[in-house]
C-alpha atoms as a PDB file:
ATOM      1  CA  MET A   1     -16.452 -14.242   1.128  1.00  0.00           C
ATOM      2  CA  GLN A   2     -13.842 -12.672   3.387  1.00  0.00           C
ATOM      3  CA  LYS A   3     -12.220  -9.480   2.150  1.00  0.00           C
ATOM      4  CA  ILE A   4      -9.153 -10.084  -0.004  1.00  0.00           C
ATOM      5  CA  THR A   5      -6.001  -7.989   0.300  1.00  0.00           C
ATOM      6  CA  VAL A   6      -3.760  -6.904  -2.550  1.00  0.00           C
ATOM      7  CA  ASN A   7      -0.970  -8.926  -0.920  1.00  0.00           C
ATOM      8  CA  GLU A   8      -3.147 -12.004  -1.402  1.00  0.00           C
ATOM      9  CA  LEU A   9      -3.736 -11.207  -5.079  1.00  0.00           C
ATOM     10  CA  ILE A  10       0.030 -10.919  -5.439  1.00  0.00           C
ATOM     11  CA  GLU A  11       0.591 -14.142  -3.516  1.00  0.00           C
ATOM     12  CA  PHE A  12      -1.778 -15.915  -5.915  1.00  0.00           C
ATOM     13  CA  ASN A  13       0.138 -14.587  -8.931  1.00  0.00           C
ATOM     14  CA  ARG A  14       3.439 -15.664  -7.409  1.00  0.00           C
ATOM     15  CA  LYS A  15       2.381 -19.295  -7.089  1.00  0.00           C
ATOM     16  CA  PRO A  16       4.689 -21.235  -9.447  1.00  0.00           C
ATOM     17  CA  THR A  17       2.242 -23.978 -10.406  1.00  0.00           C
ATOM     18  CA  ASP A  18      -1.386 -24.263 -11.513  1.00  0.00           C
ATOM     19  CA  LYS A  19      -2.032 -26.598  -8.587  1.00  0.00           C
ATOM     20  CA  GLY A  20      -0.667 -24.047  -6.141  1.00  0.00           C
ATOM     21  CA  LYS A  21      -2.838 -21.331  -7.649  1.00  0.00           C
ATOM     22  CA  LYS A  22      -5.899 -23.555  -7.579  1.00  0.00           C
ATOM     23  CA  ASN A  23      -5.423 -24.437  -3.909  1.00  0.00           C
ATOM     24  CA  PHE A  24      -4.850 -20.823  -2.932  1.00  0.00           C
ATOM     25  CA  ALA A  25      -7.851 -19.651  -4.956  1.00  0.00           C
ATOM     26  CA  TYR A  26     -10.025 -22.250  -3.202  1.00  0.00           C
ATOM     27  CA  LYS A  27      -8.852 -20.943   0.165  1.00  0.00           C
ATOM     28  CA  LEU A  28      -9.734 -17.363  -0.789  1.00  0.00           C
ATOM     29  CA  LYS A  29     -13.169 -18.303  -2.108  1.00  0.00           C
ATOM     30  CA  THR A  30     -14.240 -20.588   0.732  1.00  0.00           C
ATOM     31  CA  ARG A  31     -12.796 -19.228   3.979  1.00  0.00           C
ATOM     32  CA  LEU A  32     -15.266 -17.921   6.528  1.00  0.00           C
ATOM     33  CA  PRO A  33     -15.796 -14.160   6.954  1.00  0.00           C
ATOM     34  CA  LYS A  34     -14.725 -14.245  10.608  1.00  0.00           C
ATOM     35  CA  GLU A  35     -11.507 -16.035   9.818  1.00  0.00           C
ATOM     36  CA  LYS A  36      -8.491 -13.817  10.480  1.00  0.00           C
ATOM     37  CA  LYS A  37      -5.123 -14.191   8.878  1.00  0.00           C
ATOM     38  CA  GLU A  38      -2.325 -14.336  11.406  1.00  0.00           C
ATOM     39  CA  PRO A  39       0.441 -11.727  11.136  1.00  0.00           C
ATOM     40  CA  ASP A  40       3.600 -12.885   9.415  1.00  0.00           C
ATOM     41  CA  GLU A  41       6.998 -11.334   9.108  1.00  0.00           C
ATOM     42  CA  ASP A  42       6.881 -10.819   5.358  1.00  0.00           C
ATOM     43  CA  GLY A  43       4.429  -7.990   5.805  1.00  0.00           C
ATOM     44  CA  GLY A  44       1.354  -9.974   4.822  1.00  0.00           C
ATOM     45  CA  GLY A  45      -0.437  -9.134   8.046  1.00  0.00           C
ATOM     46  CA  GLY A  46      -0.052  -7.481  11.413  1.00  0.00           C
ATOM     47  CA  ASP A  47       2.080  -4.457  12.219  1.00  0.00           C
ATOM     48  CA  TYR A  48       5.547  -5.744  11.340  1.00  0.00           C
ATOM     49  CA  TRP A  49       6.356  -2.606   9.342  1.00  0.00           C
ATOM     50  CA  ILE A  50       4.289  -0.100  11.321  1.00  0.00           C
ATOM     51  CA  THR A  51       7.301   1.706  12.828  1.00  0.00           C
ATOM     52  CA  SER A  52       8.849   2.671   9.512  1.00  0.00           C
ATOM     53  CA  THR A  53       5.521   3.132   7.723  1.00  0.00           C
ATOM     54  CA  SER A  54       4.150   5.501  10.361  1.00  0.00           C
ATOM     55  CA  CYS A  55       7.368   7.530  10.252  1.00  0.00           C
ATOM     56  CA  ILE A  56       7.240   7.861   6.455  1.00  0.00           C
ATOM     57  CA  TYR A  57       3.560   8.764   6.755  1.00  0.00           C
ATOM     58  CA  ASN A  58       4.446  11.644   9.106  1.00  0.00           C
ATOM     59  CA  VAL A  59       7.253  12.864   6.839  1.00  0.00           C
ATOM     60  CA  ILE A  60       4.929  13.002   3.824  1.00  0.00           C
ATOM     61  CA  LYS A  61       1.912  14.426   5.615  1.00  0.00           C
ATOM     62  CA  LYS A  62       3.763  17.058   7.638  1.00  0.00           C
ATOM     63  CA  ASP A  63       6.549  17.757   5.130  1.00  0.00           C
ATOM     64  CA  ASP A  64       9.148  17.267   7.854  1.00  0.00           C
ATOM     65  CA  THR A  65      12.142  14.954   7.388  1.00  0.00           C
ATOM     66  CA  SER A  66      13.220  15.352  11.019  1.00  0.00           C
ATOM     67  CA  PHE A  67      10.922  12.410  11.806  1.00  0.00           C
ATOM     68  CA  TYR A  68      13.558  10.118  10.279  1.00  0.00           C
ATOM     69  CA  ASP A  69      16.274  11.018  12.777  1.00  0.00           C
ATOM     70  CA  LYS A  70      13.932  10.759  15.749  1.00  0.00           C
ATOM     71  CA  LYS A  71      12.576   7.370  14.729  1.00  0.00           C
ATOM     72  CA  LEU A  72      15.971   5.961  13.763  1.00  0.00           C
ATOM     73  CA  GLU A  73      17.341   6.919  17.155  1.00  0.00           C
ATOM     74  CA  ASP A  74      14.398   5.245  18.865  1.00  0.00           C
ATOM     75  CA  LEU A  75      14.769   2.084  16.767  1.00  0.00           C
ATOM     76  CA  SER A  76      18.506   1.902  17.419  1.00  0.00           C
ATOM     77  CA  VAL A  77      17.884   1.967  21.155  1.00  0.00           C
ATOM     78  CA  LYS A  78      15.320  -0.825  20.819  1.00  0.00           C
ATOM     79  CA  TYR A  79      17.620  -2.849  18.572  1.00  0.00           C
ATOM     80  CA  GLU A  80      20.513  -2.670  21.017  1.00  0.00           C
ATOM     81  CA  GLY A  81      18.246  -3.313  23.982  1.00  0.00           C
ATOM     82  CA  THR A  82      16.752  -6.614  22.876  1.00  0.00           C
ATOM     83  CA  GLU A  83      18.318 -10.051  22.510  1.00  0.00           C
ATOM     84  CA  LYS A  84      15.246 -11.804  21.108  1.00  0.00           C
ATOM     85  CA  LYS A  85      15.839 -12.767  17.483  1.00  0.00           C
ATOM     86  CA  GLY A  86      12.368 -11.870  16.158  1.00  0.00           C
ATOM     87  CA  PRO A  87      12.048  -8.342  17.570  1.00  0.00           C
ATOM     88  CA  LYS A  88      15.724  -7.594  16.874  1.00  0.00           C
ATOM     89  CA  GLU A  89      15.338  -8.557  13.212  1.00  0.00           C
ATOM     90  CA  MET A  90      12.141  -6.508  12.963  1.00  0.00           C
ATOM     91  CA  HIS A  91      13.895  -3.406  14.329  1.00  0.00           C
ATOM     92  CA  ARG A  92      16.829  -3.975  11.952  1.00  0.00           C
ATOM     93  CA  ARG A  93      14.593  -4.182   8.893  1.00  0.00           C
ATOM     94  CA  ASN A  94      12.663  -1.055   9.864  1.00  0.00           C
ATOM     95  CA  ILE A  95      15.967   0.765  10.393  1.00  0.00           C
ATOM     96  CA  GLU A  96      17.090  -0.287   6.896  1.00  0.00           C
ATOM     97  CA  ILE A  97      13.864   1.009   5.366  1.00  0.00           C
ATOM     98  CA  LEU A  98      14.110   4.418   7.029  1.00  0.00           C
ATOM     99  CA  THR A  99      17.816   4.727   6.259  1.00  0.00           C
ATOM    100  CA  SER A 100      17.223   4.125   2.549  1.00  0.00           C
ATOM    101  CA  PHE A 101      14.110   6.281   2.514  1.00  0.00           C
ATOM    102  CA  ARG A 102      16.006   9.379   3.600  1.00  0.00           C
ATOM    103  CA  ASP A 103      17.123   9.703  -0.040  1.00  0.00           C
ATOM    104  CA  PHE A 104      13.531   9.454  -1.285  1.00  0.00           C
ATOM    105  CA  ASN A 105      12.087  12.848  -2.233  1.00  0.00           C
ATOM    106  CA  HIS A 106       8.765  12.837  -0.388  1.00  0.00           C
ATOM    107  CA  MET A 107       7.654  15.973  -2.238  1.00  0.00           C
ATOM    108  CA  GLU A 108       7.316  13.839  -5.373  1.00  0.00           C
ATOM    109  CA  VAL A 109       4.270  12.131  -3.871  1.00  0.00           C
ATOM    110  CA  ARG A 110       2.360  15.126  -2.524  1.00  0.00           C
ATOM    111  CA  PRO A 111       1.520  18.674  -3.647  1.00  0.00           C
ATOM    112  CA  ALA A 112       3.472  21.548  -2.123  1.00  0.00           C
ATOM    113  CA  LYS A 113       0.272  23.046  -0.726  1.00  0.00           C
ATOM    114  CA  ILE A 114      -2.445  20.815   0.670  1.00  0.00           C
ATOM    115  CA  LEU A 115      -5.874  22.340   1.250  1.00  0.00           C
ATOM    116  CA  LYS A 116      -7.334  19.489   3.270  1.00  0.00           C
ATOM    117  CA  PHE A 117      -6.659  15.919   4.359  1.00  0.00           C
ATOM    118  CA  GLU A 118      -9.600  13.576   3.839  1.00  0.00           C
ATOM    119  CA  THR A 119     -10.323  10.828   6.360  1.00  0.00           C
ATOM    120  CA  VAL A 120     -10.369   7.264   5.083  1.00  0.00           C
ATOM    121  CA  GLN A 121     -13.752   5.937   6.154  1.00  0.00           C
ATOM    122  CA  THR A 122     -13.848   2.299   7.284  1.00  0.00           C
ATOM    123  CA  VAL A 123     -17.072   1.694   5.346  1.00  0.00           C
ATOM    124  CA  HIS A 124     -15.256   2.585   2.110  1.00  0.00           C
ATOM    125  CA  LYS A 125     -12.299   0.243   2.565  1.00  0.00           C
ATOM    126  CA  VAL A 126     -13.902  -2.690   0.729  1.00  0.00           C
ATOM    127  CA  ILE A 127     -14.303  -2.363  -3.036  1.00  0.00           C
ATOM    128  CA  TYR A 128     -16.258  -5.004  -4.950  1.00  0.00           C
ATOM    129  CA  MET A 129     -15.079  -6.204  -8.344  1.00  0.00           C
ATOM    130  CA  ASP A 130     -17.112  -9.105  -9.804  1.00  0.00           C
ATOM    131  CA  ASN A 131     -18.436  -9.725  -6.273  1.00  0.00           C
ATOM    132  CA  PHE A 132     -14.895 -10.028  -4.937  1.00  0.00           C
ATOM    133  CA  PRO A 133     -14.445  -7.863  -1.803  1.00  0.00           C
ATOM    134  CA  LEU A 134     -11.046  -6.203  -2.179  1.00  0.00           C
ATOM    135  CA  TYR A 135      -9.570  -4.495   0.873  1.00  0.00           C
ATOM    136  CA  VAL A 136      -8.147  -1.029   0.175  1.00  0.00           C
ATOM    137  CA  THR A 137      -6.396   0.938   2.928  1.00  0.00           C
ATOM    138  CA  PRO A 138      -4.934   4.212   1.616  1.00  0.00           C
ATOM    139  CA  SER A 139      -2.469   5.967   3.905  1.00  0.00           C
ATOM    140  CA  ILE A 140      -3.028   9.643   3.040  1.00  0.00           C
ATOM    141  CA  LEU A 141      -5.707  11.465   1.033  1.00  0.00           C
ATOM    142  CA  PHE A 142      -5.152  15.119   0.210  1.00  0.00           C
ATOM    143  CA  ALA A 143      -7.109  17.843  -1.585  1.00  0.00           C
ATOM    144  CA  HIS A 144      -5.177  20.455  -3.544  1.00  0.00           C
ATOM    145  CA  GLU A 145      -5.840  23.137  -6.137  1.00  0.00           C
ATOM    146  CA  ARG A 146      -4.489  22.988  -9.669  1.00  0.00           C
ATOM    147  CA  ASN A 147      -5.462  25.050 -12.698  1.00  0.00           C
ATOM    148  CA  GLY A 148      -8.437  26.469 -10.827  1.00  0.00           C
ATOM    149  CA  LYS A 149      -9.827  23.038  -9.897  1.00  0.00           C
ATOM    150  CA  ILE A 150      -9.866  21.240  -6.566  1.00  0.00           C
ATOM    151  CA  GLU A 151      -8.318  17.808  -7.020  1.00  0.00           C
ATOM    152  CA  LEU A 152      -7.911  14.818  -4.720  1.00  0.00           C
ATOM    153  CA  GLY A 153      -4.852  12.619  -4.627  1.00  0.00           C
ATOM    154  CA  GLY A 154      -3.652   9.879  -2.344  1.00  0.00           C
ATOM    155  CA  VAL A 155      -0.694   7.811  -1.239  1.00  0.00           C
ATOM    156  CA  TRP A 156      -0.774   4.148  -0.278  1.00  0.00           C
ATOM    157  CA  LEU A 157       2.324   3.094   1.665  1.00  0.00           C
ATOM    158  CA  VAL A 158       2.943  -0.652   1.392  1.00  0.00           C
ATOM    159  CA  ALA A 159       5.743  -2.873   2.635  1.00  0.00           C
ATOM    160  CA  LYS A 160       6.773  -6.488   2.152  1.00  0.00           C
ATOM    161  CA  LEU A 161      10.025  -8.332   2.731  1.00  0.00           C
ATOM    162  CA  ASN A 162      12.125  -7.958  -0.461  1.00  0.00           C
ATOM    163  CA  GLY A 163       9.574  -5.487  -1.812  1.00  0.00           C
ATOM    164  CA  PHE A 164       7.308  -5.605  -4.855  1.00  0.00           C
ATOM    165  CA  SER A 165       7.893  -5.574  -8.583  1.00  0.00           C
ATOM    166  CA  LYS A 166       6.653  -2.553 -10.520  1.00  0.00           C
ATOM    167  CA  LYS A 167       3.820  -4.671 -11.913  1.00  0.00           C
ATOM    168  CA  GLU A 168       2.770  -5.773  -8.421  1.00  0.00           C
ATOM    169  CA  LEU A 169       2.970  -2.245  -7.072  1.00  0.00           C
ATOM    170  CA  GLY A 170       0.716  -1.184  -9.900  1.00  0.00           C
ATOM    171  CA  MET A 171      -2.083  -3.314  -8.396  1.00  0.00           C
ATOM    172  CA  PHE A 172      -2.113  -1.146  -5.282  1.00  0.00           C
ATOM    173  CA  CYS A 173      -2.182   1.968  -7.448  1.00  0.00           C
ATOM    174  CA  GLU A 174      -5.006   0.625  -9.613  1.00  0.00           C
ATOM    175  CA  LEU A 175      -7.207  -0.074  -6.585  1.00  0.00           C
ATOM    176  CA  LEU A 176      -6.306   3.219  -4.947  1.00  0.00           C
ATOM    177  CA  TYR A 177      -7.630   5.042  -8.016  1.00  0.00           C
ATOM    178  CA  LYS A 178     -10.846   2.981  -7.941  1.00  0.00           C
ATOM    179  CA  PHE A 179     -11.190   3.854  -4.254  1.00  0.00           C
ATOM    180  CA  LEU A 180     -10.808   7.574  -4.953  1.00  0.00           C
ATOM    181  CA  THR A 181     -13.185   7.664  -7.921  1.00  0.00           C
ATOM    182  CA  ARG A 182     -15.904   5.605  -6.225  1.00  0.00           C
ATOM    183  CA  ASN A 183     -15.915   7.573  -3.000  1.00  0.00           C
ATOM    184  CA  TYR A 184     -14.825  11.119  -3.858  1.00  0.00           C
ATOM    185  CA  SER A 185     -15.385  11.844  -7.562  1.00  0.00           C
ATOM    186  CA  ASP A 186     -18.663  13.607  -6.766  1.00  0.00           C
ATOM    187  CA  ARG A 187     -16.682  16.266  -4.887  1.00  0.00           C
ATOM    188  CA  TYR A 188     -13.246  16.245  -6.489  1.00  0.00           C
ATOM    189  CA  GLN A 189     -11.430  15.744  -9.719  1.00  0.00           C
ATOM    190  CA  ILE A 190      -9.080  12.800  -9.117  1.00  0.00           C
ATOM    191  CA  SER A 191      -5.356  13.391  -9.726  1.00  0.00           C
ATOM    192  CA  GLU A 192      -3.937  10.592 -11.851  1.00  0.00           C
ATOM    193  CA  ASP A 193      -0.354  11.740 -11.281  1.00  0.00           C
ATOM    194  CA  LEU A 194      -0.864  12.068  -7.526  1.00  0.00           C
ATOM    195  CA  CYS A 195      -2.583   8.723  -7.061  1.00  0.00           C
ATOM    196  CA  ILE A 196       0.509   6.896  -5.869  1.00  0.00           C
ATOM    197  CA  ALA A 197       1.523   3.558  -4.389  1.00  0.00           C
ATOM    198  CA  VAL A 198       4.842   3.569  -2.546  1.00  0.00           C
ATOM    199  CA  ASP A 199       6.847   0.436  -1.788  1.00  0.00           C
ATOM    200  CA  THR A 200       8.645   1.463   1.403  1.00  0.00           C
ATOM    201  CA  TYR A 201      10.924  -1.595   1.429  1.00  0.00           C
ATOM    202  CA  GLY A 202      12.263  -0.821  -2.037  1.00  0.00           C
ATOM    203  CA  ALA A 203      11.836   2.975  -1.795  1.00  0.00           C
ATOM    204  CA  GLN A 204      10.033   3.077  -5.148  1.00  0.00           C
ATOM    205  CA  LYS A 205       6.722   4.496  -6.340  1.00  0.00           C
ATOM    206  CA  ILE A 206       4.133   4.017  -9.083  1.00  0.00           C
ATOM    207  CA  THR A 207       1.563   6.585 -10.198  1.00  0.00           C
ATOM    208  CA  TYR A 208      -1.809   5.791 -11.755  1.00  0.00           C
ATOM    209  CA  GLU A 209      -0.765   7.971 -14.666  1.00  0.00           C
ATOM    210  CA  GLU A 210       1.907   5.370 -15.503  1.00  0.00           C
ATOM    211  CA  LEU A 211      -0.788   2.702 -15.798  1.00  0.00           C
ATOM    212  CA  VAL A 212      -2.928   4.932 -18.014  1.00  0.00           C
ATOM    213  CA  LYS A 213       0.054   5.558 -20.302  1.00  0.00           C
ATOM    214  CA  GLY A 214       0.731   1.825 -20.567  1.00  0.00           C
ATOM    215  CA  LYS A 215       4.066   1.877 -18.739  1.00  0.00           C
ATOM    216  CA  ILE A 216       2.666  -0.506 -16.119  1.00  0.00           C
ATOM    217  CA  PRO A 217      -0.078  -3.063 -16.975  1.00  0.00           C
ATOM    218  CA  PHE A 218      -3.507  -3.212 -15.344  1.00  0.00           C
ATOM    219  CA  THR A 219      -3.598  -6.651 -13.682  1.00  0.00           C
ATOM    220  CA  VAL A 220      -6.301  -6.655 -10.987  1.00  0.00           C
ATOM    221  CA  GLN A 221      -9.184  -7.785 -13.218  1.00  0.00           C
ATOM    222  CA  LYS A 222      -7.008 -10.410 -14.905  1.00  0.00           C
ATOM    223  CA  THR A 223      -6.018 -11.795 -11.495  1.00  0.00           C
ATOM    224  CA  ILE A 224      -9.637 -11.911 -10.321  1.00  0.00           C
ATOM    225  CA  ASP A 225     -10.639 -13.752 -13.502  1.00  0.00           C
ATOM    226  CA  GLU A 226      -7.895 -16.318 -12.901  1.00  0.00           C
ATOM    227  CA  ILE A 227      -8.959 -16.839  -9.282  1.00  0.00           C
ATOM    228  CA  LYS A 228     -12.581 -17.328 -10.353  1.00  0.00           C
ATOM    229  CA  ALA A 229     -11.526 -19.870 -12.981  1.00  0.00           C
ATOM    230  CA  SER A 230      -9.211 -21.797 -10.636  1.00  0.00           C
END
């Protein structure tokens, strides 16, 4: 089975009919491993959002909001310099994301002092749940000290046209926590409050702590069970 993205789990859940879900589930379960999904402009594949995402990544990692101004200036030049509808719309949407994100407090998703940034190893990016290969691609992993213990937290920056609901964003957060515990819990205590999924389109975040406290439901296993049964 080809690796399944969180966007695809969400797409399955968004199908309005049982027939639509069944057809999509069949596609996920039977497609060939070498099959590659083509990029689309809703953020389901490719690098449509890479300009804004990489800028936000730099702001969070380096604690430097000046990246916004530099990238917005660059995007504005590209927007004015192209007449092609597709690229022009892409630049416009990335500009909108960065403009709204300037009001987002990036220090809410990272500790003030970071001891070390961990590299996301390619071999760790697939997590199996009930033999389903789920593709997890965290953006930033950081070690920090709290109450005399070295903890590890992480941020997963995700984007999709019109954004995600809180429940959908929680799926990214749930898998991010599984990723951290499976690959780093032998060296670190995992930070539930700093295991965070950020919807860059909607400038909103979800922490794993919110799932633990029942504010956001756990839905990954339920979705997998529905796909298996479809």
